[in-house]
PDB file of N, CA and C in Angstrom:
ATOM      1  N   MET A   1       8.785   1.530 -12.379  1.00  0.00           N
ATOM      2  CA  MET A   1       7.435   2.066 -12.334  1.00  0.00           C
ATOM      3  C   MET A   1       6.690   1.434 -11.162  1.00  0.00           C
ATOM      4  N   CYS A   2       6.057   2.268 -10.338  1.00  0.00           N
ATOM      5  CA  CYS A   2       5.278   1.774  -9.204  1.00  0.00           C
ATOM      6  C   CYS A   2       3.826   1.602  -9.612  1.00  0.00           C
ATOM      7  N   VAL A   3       3.341   0.408  -9.450  1.00  0.00           N
ATOM      8  CA  VAL A   3       1.955   0.105  -9.755  1.00  0.00           C
ATOM      9  C   VAL A   3       1.139   0.313  -8.491  1.00  0.00           C
ATOM     10  N   SER A   4       0.011   1.010  -8.598  1.00  0.00           N
ATOM     11  CA  SER A   4      -0.829   1.218  -7.422  1.00  0.00           C
ATOM     12  C   SER A   4      -1.431  -0.116  -6.983  1.00  0.00           C
ATOM     13  N   ALA A   5      -1.774  -0.180  -5.715  1.00  0.00           N
ATOM     14  CA  ALA A   5      -2.363  -1.409  -5.175  1.00  0.00           C
ATOM     15  C   ALA A   5      -3.672  -1.738  -5.888  1.00  0.00           C
ATOM     16  N   SER A   6      -4.477  -0.732  -6.186  1.00  0.00           N
ATOM     17  CA  SER A   6      -5.758  -1.006  -6.855  1.00  0.00           C
ATOM     18  C   SER A   6      -5.539  -1.556  -8.262  1.00  0.00           C
ATOM     19  N   ASN A   7      -4.538  -1.030  -8.991  1.00  0.00           N
ATOM     20  CA  ASN A   7      -4.243  -1.578 -10.324  1.00  0.00           C
ATOM     21  C   ASN A   7      -3.728  -3.011 -10.222  1.00  0.00           C
ATOM     22  N   TYR A   8      -2.886  -3.272  -9.225  1.00  0.00           N
ATOM     23  CA  TYR A   8      -2.368  -4.629  -9.045  1.00  0.00           C
ATOM     24  C   TYR A   8      -3.483  -5.605  -8.676  1.00  0.00           C
ATOM     25  N   VAL A   9      -4.390  -5.187  -7.784  1.00  0.00           N
ATOM     26  CA  VAL A   9      -5.527  -6.040  -7.404  1.00  0.00           C
ATOM     27  C   VAL A   9      -6.353  -6.381  -8.642  1.00  0.00           C
ATOM     28  N   ASN A  10      -6.644  -5.366  -9.457  1.00  0.00           N
ATOM     29  CA  ASN A  10      -7.439  -5.600 -10.669  1.00  0.00           C
ATOM     30  C   ASN A  10      -6.738  -6.553 -11.630  1.00  0.00           C
ATOM     31  N   ALA A  11      -5.449  -6.350 -11.843  1.00  0.00           N
ATOM     32  CA  ALA A  11      -4.693  -7.214 -12.760  1.00  0.00           C
ATOM     33  C   ALA A  11      -4.616  -8.639 -12.221  1.00  0.00           C
ATOM     34  N   PHE A  12      -4.410  -8.783 -10.919  1.00  0.00           N
ATOM     35  CA  PHE A  12      -4.331 -10.107 -10.307  1.00  0.00           C
ATOM     36  C   PHE A  12      -5.665 -10.833 -10.447  1.00  0.00           C
ATOM     37  N   GLU A  13      -6.751 -10.125 -10.174  1.00  0.00           N
ATOM     38  CA  GLU A  13      -8.095 -10.714 -10.283  1.00  0.00           C
ATOM     39  C   GLU A  13      -8.374 -11.146 -11.726  1.00  0.00           C
ATOM     40  N   GLU A  14      -8.004 -10.311 -12.681  1.00  0.00           N
ATOM     41  CA  GLU A  14      -8.202 -10.662 -14.096  1.00  0.00           C
ATOM     42  C   GLU A  14      -7.410 -11.914 -14.472  1.00  0.00           C
ATOM     43  N   SER A  15      -6.189 -12.008 -13.987  1.00  0.00           N
ATOM     44  CA  SER A  15      -5.373 -13.182 -14.327  1.00  0.00           C
ATOM     45  C   SER A  15      -5.948 -14.452 -13.717  1.00  0.00           C
ATOM     46  N   ILE A  16      -6.503 -14.363 -12.525  1.00  0.00           N
ATOM     47  CA  ILE A  16      -7.143 -15.535 -11.904  1.00  0.00           C
ATOM     48  C   ILE A  16      -8.333 -15.980 -12.733  1.00  0.00           C
ATOM     49  N   GLN A  17      -9.150 -15.027 -13.153  1.00  0.00           N
ATOM     50  CA  GLN A  17     -10.338 -15.363 -13.943  1.00  0.00           C
ATOM     51  C   GLN A  17      -9.956 -15.916 -15.314  1.00  0.00           C
ATOM     52  N   ARG A  18      -8.927 -15.346 -15.914  1.00  0.00           N
ATOM     53  CA  ARG A  18      -8.483 -15.801 -17.239  1.00  0.00           C
ATOM     54  C   ARG A  18      -7.934 -17.223 -17.193  1.00  0.00           C
ATOM     55  N   CYS A  19      -7.159 -17.510 -16.165  1.00  0.00           N
ATOM     56  CA  CYS A  19      -6.517 -18.830 -16.062  1.00  0.00           C
ATOM     57  C   CYS A  19      -7.489 -19.915 -15.622  1.00  0.00           C
ATOM     58  N   GLU A  20      -8.512 -19.537 -14.899  1.00  0.00           N
ATOM     59  CA  GLU A  20      -9.514 -20.474 -14.382  1.00  0.00           C
ATOM     60  C   GLU A  20      -8.882 -21.635 -13.622  1.00  0.00           C
ATOM     61  N   LEU A  21      -7.833 -21.331 -12.869  1.00  0.00           N
ATOM     62  CA  LEU A  21      -7.188 -22.359 -12.059  1.00  0.00           C
ATOM     63  C   LEU A  21      -7.888 -22.500 -10.720  1.00  0.00           C
ATOM     64  N   VAL A  22      -7.995 -23.722 -10.269  1.00  0.00           N
ATOM     65  CA  VAL A  22      -8.541 -23.977  -8.952  1.00  0.00           C
ATOM     66  C   VAL A  22      -7.366 -24.420  -8.080  1.00  0.00           C
ATOM     67  N   VAL A  23      -6.954 -23.519  -7.206  1.00  0.00           N
ATOM     68  CA  VAL A  23      -5.829 -23.809  -6.319  1.00  0.00           C
ATOM     69  C   VAL A  23      -6.220 -23.440  -4.891  1.00  0.00           C
ATOM     70  N   ASP A  24      -5.393 -23.885  -3.986  1.00  0.00           N
ATOM     71  CA  ASP A  24      -5.605 -23.605  -2.581  1.00  0.00           C
ATOM     72  C   ASP A  24      -5.665 -22.095  -2.333  1.00  0.00           C
ATOM     73  N   GLN A  25      -6.616 -21.647  -1.512  1.00  0.00           N
ATOM     74  CA  GLN A  25      -6.803 -20.230  -1.200  1.00  0.00           C
ATOM     75  C   GLN A  25      -5.529 -19.607  -0.626  1.00  0.00           C
ATOM     76  N   PHE A  26      -4.846 -20.322   0.273  1.00  0.00           N
ATOM     77  CA  PHE A  26      -3.655 -19.776   0.908  1.00  0.00           C
ATOM     78  C   PHE A  26      -2.496 -19.653  -0.085  1.00  0.00           C
ATOM     79  N   PHE A  27      -2.427 -20.554  -1.041  1.00  0.00           N
ATOM     80  CA  PHE A  27      -1.422 -20.455  -2.108  1.00  0.00           C
ATOM     81  C   PHE A  27      -1.675 -19.208  -2.944  1.00  0.00           C
ATOM     82  N   THR A  28      -2.939 -18.949  -3.251  1.00  0.00           N
ATOM     83  CA  THR A  28      -3.303 -17.770  -4.038  1.00  0.00           C
ATOM     84  C   THR A  28      -2.982 -16.491  -3.272  1.00  0.00           C
ATOM     85  N   ILE A  29      -3.265 -16.460  -1.980  1.00  0.00           N
ATOM     86  CA  ILE A  29      -2.946 -15.292  -1.149  1.00  0.00           C
ATOM     87  C   ILE A  29      -1.432 -15.070  -1.135  1.00  0.00           C
ATOM     88  N   ALA A  30      -0.675 -16.135  -0.951  1.00  0.00           N
ATOM     89  CA  ALA A  30       0.788 -16.020  -0.932  1.00  0.00           C
ATOM     90  C   ALA A  30       1.304 -15.488  -2.270  1.00  0.00           C
ATOM     91  N   ARG A  31       0.735 -15.955  -3.341  1.00  0.00           N
ATOM     92  CA  ARG A  31       1.146 -15.498  -4.672  1.00  0.00           C
ATOM     93  C   ARG A  31       0.812 -14.013  -4.866  1.00  0.00           C
ATOM     94  N   PHE A  32      -0.365 -13.596  -4.368  1.00  0.00           N
ATOM     95  CA  PHE A  32      -0.758 -12.190  -4.444  1.00  0.00           C
ATOM     96  C   PHE A  32       0.238 -11.317  -3.676  1.00  0.00           C
ATOM     97  N   ILE A  33       0.552 -11.713  -2.457  1.00  0.00           N
ATOM     98  CA  ILE A  33       1.459 -10.940  -1.617  1.00  0.00           C
ATOM     99  C   ILE A  33       2.851 -10.870  -2.244  1.00  0.00           C
ATOM    100  N   ARG A  34       3.311 -11.974  -2.814  1.00  0.00           N
ATOM    101  CA  ARG A  34       4.637 -12.006  -3.428  1.00  0.00           C
ATOM    102  C   ARG A  34       4.762 -10.977  -4.554  1.00  0.00           C
ATOM    103  N   GLY A  35       3.674 -10.664  -5.235  1.00  0.00           N
ATOM    104  CA  GLY A  35       3.713  -9.706  -6.338  1.00  0.00           C
ATOM    105  C   GLY A  35       3.530  -8.257  -5.940  1.00  0.00           C
ATOM    106  N   LEU A  36       3.222  -8.005  -4.671  1.00  0.00           N
ATOM    107  CA  LEU A  36       3.038  -6.626  -4.217  1.00  0.00           C
ATOM    108  C   LEU A  36       4.349  -5.849  -4.238  1.00  0.00           C
ATOM    109  N   ARG A  37       4.227  -4.524  -4.311  1.00  0.00           N
ATOM    110  CA  ARG A  37       5.411  -3.673  -4.160  1.00  0.00           C
ATOM    111  C   ARG A  37       6.028  -3.943  -2.805  1.00  0.00           C
ATOM    112  N   SER A  38       7.338  -3.829  -2.718  1.00  0.00           N
ATOM    113  CA  SER A  38       8.035  -4.161  -1.471  1.00  0.00           C
ATOM    114  C   SER A  38       7.606  -3.283  -0.305  1.00  0.00           C
ATOM    115  N   ASP A  39       7.237  -2.028  -0.554  1.00  0.00           N
ATOM    116  CA  ASP A  39       6.829  -1.157   0.538  1.00  0.00           C
ATOM    117  C   ASP A  39       5.477  -1.570   1.135  1.00  0.00           C
ATOM    118  N   LEU A  40       4.677  -2.299   0.385  1.00  0.00           N
ATOM    119  CA  LEU A  40       3.384  -2.775   0.882  1.00  0.00           C
ATOM    120  C   LEU A  40       3.471  -4.205   1.400  1.00  0.00           C
ATOM    121  N   LYS A  41       4.353  -4.970   0.801  1.00  0.00           N
ATOM    122  CA  LYS A  41       4.441  -6.404   1.083  1.00  0.00           C
ATOM    123  C   LYS A  41       4.646  -6.705   2.565  1.00  0.00           C
ATOM    124  N   ARG A  42       5.561  -5.986   3.210  1.00  0.00           N
ATOM    125  CA  ARG A  42       5.888  -6.263   4.615  1.00  0.00           C
ATOM    126  C   ARG A  42       4.666  -6.085   5.507  1.00  0.00           C
ATOM    127  N   ASP A  43       3.947  -4.971   5.341  1.00  0.00           N
ATOM    128  CA  ASP A  43       2.795  -4.710   6.198  1.00  0.00           C
ATOM    129  C   ASP A  43       1.634  -5.652   5.922  1.00  0.00           C
ATOM    130  N   VAL A  44       1.432  -6.006   4.672  1.00  0.00           N
ATOM    131  CA  VAL A  44       0.352  -6.945   4.341  1.00  0.00           C
ATOM    132  C   VAL A  44       0.702  -8.336   4.865  1.00  0.00           C
ATOM    133  N   THR A  45       1.962  -8.706   4.796  1.00  0.00           N
ATOM    134  CA  THR A  45       2.405 -10.021   5.270  1.00  0.00           C
ATOM    135  C   THR A  45       2.235 -10.158   6.777  1.00  0.00           C
ATOM    136  N   LEU A  46       2.392  -9.054   7.512  1.00  0.00           N
ATOM    137  CA  LEU A  46       2.299  -9.103   8.973  1.00  0.00           C
ATOM    138  C   LEU A  46       0.885  -9.385   9.473  1.00  0.00           C
ATOM    139  N   SER A  47      -0.103  -9.110   8.659  1.00  0.00           N
ATOM    140  CA  SER A  47      -1.482  -9.340   9.103  1.00  0.00           C
ATOM    141  C   SER A  47      -1.890 -10.783   8.794  1.00  0.00           C
ATOM    142  N   SER A  48      -2.845 -11.274   9.571  1.00  0.00           N
ATOM    143  CA  SER A  48      -3.332 -12.637   9.314  1.00  0.00           C
ATOM    144  C   SER A  48      -4.473 -12.555   8.305  1.00  0.00           C
ATOM    145  N   LEU A  49      -4.317 -13.276   7.224  1.00  0.00           N
ATOM    146  CA  LEU A  49      -5.289 -13.234   6.131  1.00  0.00           C
ATOM    147  C   LEU A  49      -5.902 -14.612   5.936  1.00  0.00           C
ATOM    148  N   CYS A  50      -7.221 -14.642   5.805  1.00  0.00           N
ATOM    149  CA  CYS A  50      -7.908 -15.913   5.581  1.00  0.00           C
ATOM    150  C   CYS A  50      -8.487 -16.008   4.176  1.00  0.00           C
ATOM    151  N   THR A  51      -8.744 -14.865   3.554  1.00  0.00           N
ATOM    152  CA  THR A  51      -9.325 -14.889   2.210  1.00  0.00           C
ATOM    153  C   THR A  51      -8.554 -13.945   1.300  1.00  0.00           C
ATOM    154  N   LEU A  52      -8.697 -14.155   0.020  1.00  0.00           N
ATOM    155  CA  LEU A  52      -8.067 -13.296  -0.965  1.00  0.00           C
ATOM    156  C   LEU A  52      -8.658 -11.889  -0.890  1.00  0.00           C
ATOM    157  N   ASP A  53      -9.945 -11.777  -0.634  1.00  0.00           N
ATOM    158  CA  ASP A  53     -10.566 -10.459  -0.486  1.00  0.00           C
ATOM    159  C   ASP A  53      -9.947  -9.685   0.677  1.00  0.00           C
ATOM    160  N   GLU A  54      -9.627 -10.368   1.775  1.00  0.00           N
ATOM    161  CA  GLU A  54      -8.956  -9.708   2.899  1.00  0.00           C
ATOM    162  C   GLU A  54      -7.582  -9.204   2.471  1.00  0.00           C
ATOM    163  N   ALA A  55      -6.875  -9.987   1.674  1.00  0.00           N
ATOM    164  CA  ALA A  55      -5.558  -9.580   1.185  1.00  0.00           C
ATOM    165  C   ALA A  55      -5.682  -8.352   0.291  1.00  0.00           C
ATOM    166  N   TYR A  56      -6.678  -8.342  -0.603  1.00  0.00           N
ATOM    167  CA  TYR A  56      -6.917  -7.192  -1.471  1.00  0.00           C
ATOM    168  C   TYR A  56      -7.171  -5.946  -0.622  1.00  0.00           C
ATOM    169  N   HIS A  57      -8.120  -6.073   0.297  1.00  0.00           N
ATOM    170  CA  HIS A  57      -8.514  -4.942   1.143  1.00  0.00           C
ATOM    171  C   HIS A  57      -7.324  -4.437   1.957  1.00  0.00           C
ATOM    172  N   ASN A  58      -6.570  -5.357   2.523  1.00  0.00           N
ATOM    173  CA  ASN A  58      -5.430  -4.988   3.352  1.00  0.00           C
ATOM    174  C   ASN A  58      -4.384  -4.234   2.531  1.00  0.00           C
ATOM    175  N   ALA A  59      -4.097  -4.690   1.330  1.00  0.00           N
ATOM    176  CA  ALA A  59      -3.114  -4.017   0.473  1.00  0.00           C
ATOM    177  C   ALA A  59      -3.563  -2.600   0.146  1.00  0.00           C
ATOM    178  N   LEU A  60      -4.839  -2.429  -0.139  1.00  0.00           N
ATOM    179  CA  LEU A  60      -5.359  -1.092  -0.445  1.00  0.00           C
ATOM    180  C   LEU A  60      -5.271  -0.174   0.771  1.00  0.00           C
ATOM    181  N   GLU A  61      -5.588  -0.703   1.947  1.00  0.00           N
ATOM    182  CA  GLU A  61      -5.526   0.086   3.181  1.00  0.00           C
ATOM    183  C   GLU A  61      -4.086   0.459   3.532  1.00  0.00           C
ATOM    184  N   VAL A  62      -3.170  -0.478   3.382  1.00  0.00           N
ATOM    185  CA  VAL A  62      -1.761  -0.199   3.677  1.00  0.00           C
ATOM    186  C   VAL A  62      -1.246   0.890   2.742  1.00  0.00           C
ATOM    187  N   GLU A  63      -1.619   0.813   1.466  1.00  0.00           N
ATOM    188  CA  GLU A  63      -1.174   1.843   0.523  1.00  0.00           C
ATOM    189  C   GLU A  63      -1.726   3.202   0.927  1.00  0.00           C
ATOM    190  N   LYS A  64      -2.997   3.255   1.339  1.00  0.00           N
ATOM    191  CA  LYS A  64      -3.590   4.517   1.793  1.00  0.00           C
ATOM    192  C   LYS A  64      -2.823   5.084   2.978  1.00  0.00           C
ATOM    193  N   LEU A  65      -2.498   4.229   3.945  1.00  0.00           N
ATOM    194  CA  LEU A  65      -1.758   4.674   5.120  1.00  0.00           C
ATOM    195  C   LEU A  65      -0.374   5.187   4.748  1.00  0.00           C
ATOM    196  N   HIS A  66       0.284   4.527   3.813  1.00  0.00           N
ATOM    197  CA  HIS A  66       1.613   4.961   3.388  1.00  0.00           C
ATOM    198  C   HIS A  66       1.546   6.335   2.731  1.00  0.00           C
ATOM    199  N   LYS A  67       0.448   6.624   2.041  1.00  0.00           N
ATOM    200  CA  LYS A  67       0.301   7.938   1.412  1.00  0.00           C
ATOM    201  C   LYS A  67       0.040   9.015   2.461  1.00  0.00           C
ATOM    202  N   LEU A  68      -0.710   8.670   3.521  1.00  0.00           N
ATOM    203  CA  LEU A  68      -1.014   9.636   4.574  1.00  0.00           C
ATOM    204  C   LEU A  68       0.186   9.912   5.461  1.00  0.00           C
ATOM    205  N   VAL A  69       0.920   8.858   5.796  1.00  0.00           N
ATOM    206  CA  VAL A  69       2.072   8.970   6.691  1.00  0.00           C
ATOM    207  C   VAL A  69       3.281   8.385   5.987  1.00  0.00           C
ATOM    208  N   PRO A  70       3.967   9.195   5.183  1.00  0.00           N
ATOM    209  CA  PRO A  70       5.137   8.656   4.489  1.00  0.00           C
ATOM    210  C   PRO A  70       6.208   8.239   5.478  1.00  0.00           C
ATOM    211  N   VAL A  71       6.846   7.132   5.187  1.00  0.00           N
ATOM    212  CA  VAL A  71       7.902   6.616   6.054  1.00  0.00           C
ATOM    213  C   VAL A  71       9.162   7.422   5.780  1.00  0.00           C
ATOM    214  N   LYS A  72       9.696   8.028   6.838  1.00  0.00           N
ATOM    215  CA  LYS A  72      10.928   8.802   6.706  1.00  0.00           C
ATOM    216  C   LYS A  72      11.981   8.147   7.569  1.00  0.00           C
ATOM    217  N   HIS A  73      13.130   7.964   7.011  1.00  0.00           N
ATOM    218  CA  HIS A  73      14.226   7.368   7.758  1.00  0.00           C
ATOM    219  C   HIS A  73      15.068   8.494   8.338  1.00  0.00           C
ATOM    220  N   SER A  74      15.172   8.515   9.635  1.00  0.00           N
ATOM    221  CA  SER A  74      15.919   9.558  10.317  1.00  0.00           C
ATOM    222  C   SER A  74      17.418   9.286  10.231  1.00  0.00           C
ATOM    223  N   THR A  75      18.166  10.348  10.041  1.00  0.00           N
ATOM    224  CA  THR A  75      19.613  10.224  10.056  1.00  0.00           C
ATOM    225  C   THR A  75      20.168  10.682  11.397  1.00  0.00           C
ATOM    226  N   LEU A  76      19.283  11.126  12.290  1.00  0.00           N
ATOM    227  CA  LEU A  76      19.716  11.559  13.606  1.00  0.00           C
ATOM    228  C   LEU A  76      20.033  10.356  14.470  1.00  0.00           C
ATOM    229  N   PRO A  77      21.054  10.458  15.306  1.00  0.00           N
ATOM    230  CA  PRO A  77      21.360   9.333  16.195  1.00  0.00           C
ATOM    231  C   PRO A  77      20.256   9.179  17.239  1.00  0.00           C
ATOM    232  N   THR A  78      19.950   7.960  17.581  1.00  0.00           N
ATOM    233  CA  THR A  78      18.930   7.714  18.595  1.00  0.00           C
ATOM    234  C   THR A  78      19.602   7.567  19.947  1.00  0.00           C
ATOM    235  N   MET A  79      18.845   7.860  20.982  1.00  0.00           N
ATOM    236  CA  MET A  79      19.381   7.780  22.337  1.00  0.00           C
ATOM    237  C   MET A  79      18.785   6.575  23.036  1.00  0.00           C
ATOM    238  N   SER A  80      19.605   5.901  23.796  1.00  0.00           N
ATOM    239  CA  SER A  80      19.117   4.767  24.569  1.00  0.00           C
ATOM    240  C   SER A  80      18.357   5.292  25.778  1.00  0.00           C
ATOM    241  N   PRO A  81      17.492   4.465  26.396  1.00  0.00           N
ATOM    242  CA  PRO A  81      16.750   4.904  27.588  1.00  0.00           C
ATOM    243  C   PRO A  81      17.670   5.392  28.701  1.00  0.00           C
ATOM    244  N   THR A  82      18.850   4.811  28.862  1.00  0.00           N
ATOM    245  CA  THR A  82      19.765   5.245  29.929  1.00  0.00           C
ATOM    246  C   THR A  82      20.338   6.626  29.621  1.00  0.00           C
ATOM    247  N   GLN A  83      20.576   6.939  28.333  1.00  0.00           N
ATOM    248  CA  GLN A  83      21.054   8.256  27.972  1.00  0.00           C
ATOM    249  C   GLN A  83      19.992   9.309  28.236  1.00  0.00           C
ATOM    250  N   VAL A  84      18.737   8.978  27.947  1.00  0.00           N
ATOM    251  CA  VAL A  84      17.628   9.897  28.191  1.00  0.00           C
ATOM    252  C   VAL A  84      17.495  10.143  29.689  1.00  0.00           C
ATOM    253  N   ALA A  85      17.571   9.085  30.498  1.00  0.00           N
ATOM    254  CA  ALA A  85      17.420   9.206  31.943  1.00  0.00           C
ATOM    255  C   ALA A  85      18.570  10.026  32.550  1.00  0.00           C
ATOM    256  N   SER A  86      19.764   9.876  32.018  1.00  0.00           N
ATOM    257  CA  SER A  86      20.899  10.603  32.594  1.00  0.00           C
ATOM    258  C   SER A  86      20.848  12.091  32.268  1.00  0.00           C
ATOM    259  N   LYS A  87      20.140  12.474  31.188  1.00  0.00           N
ATOM    260  CA  LYS A  87      20.008  13.895  30.843  1.00  0.00           C
ATOM    261  C   LYS A  87      18.929  14.568  31.655  1.00  0.00           C
ATOM    262  N   ALA A  88      18.031  13.790  32.248  1.00  0.00           N
ATOM    263  CA  ALA A  88      16.903  14.362  32.991  1.00  0.00           C
ATOM    264  C   ALA A  88      17.289  14.824  34.366  1.00  0.00           C
TER     265      ALA A  88
END
């Protein structure tokens, strides 16, 4: 089952409030990212995050982008720049 980024953000925020743990901000961000769906995790990890709110926002934006532009893996062979130049 795929959990939406907004549902995950809400659940993560609730768990932080319930536990009332005081931990390092960067540890919390890392923990948030580790729980993301794998299709979102890579793109969120690539950005520089300073706050948990930035991580939340970034995950939601990445999910929106993935819905607009679905990632398709091509089965067509790719051509190297030299192959392209030789055909021209």
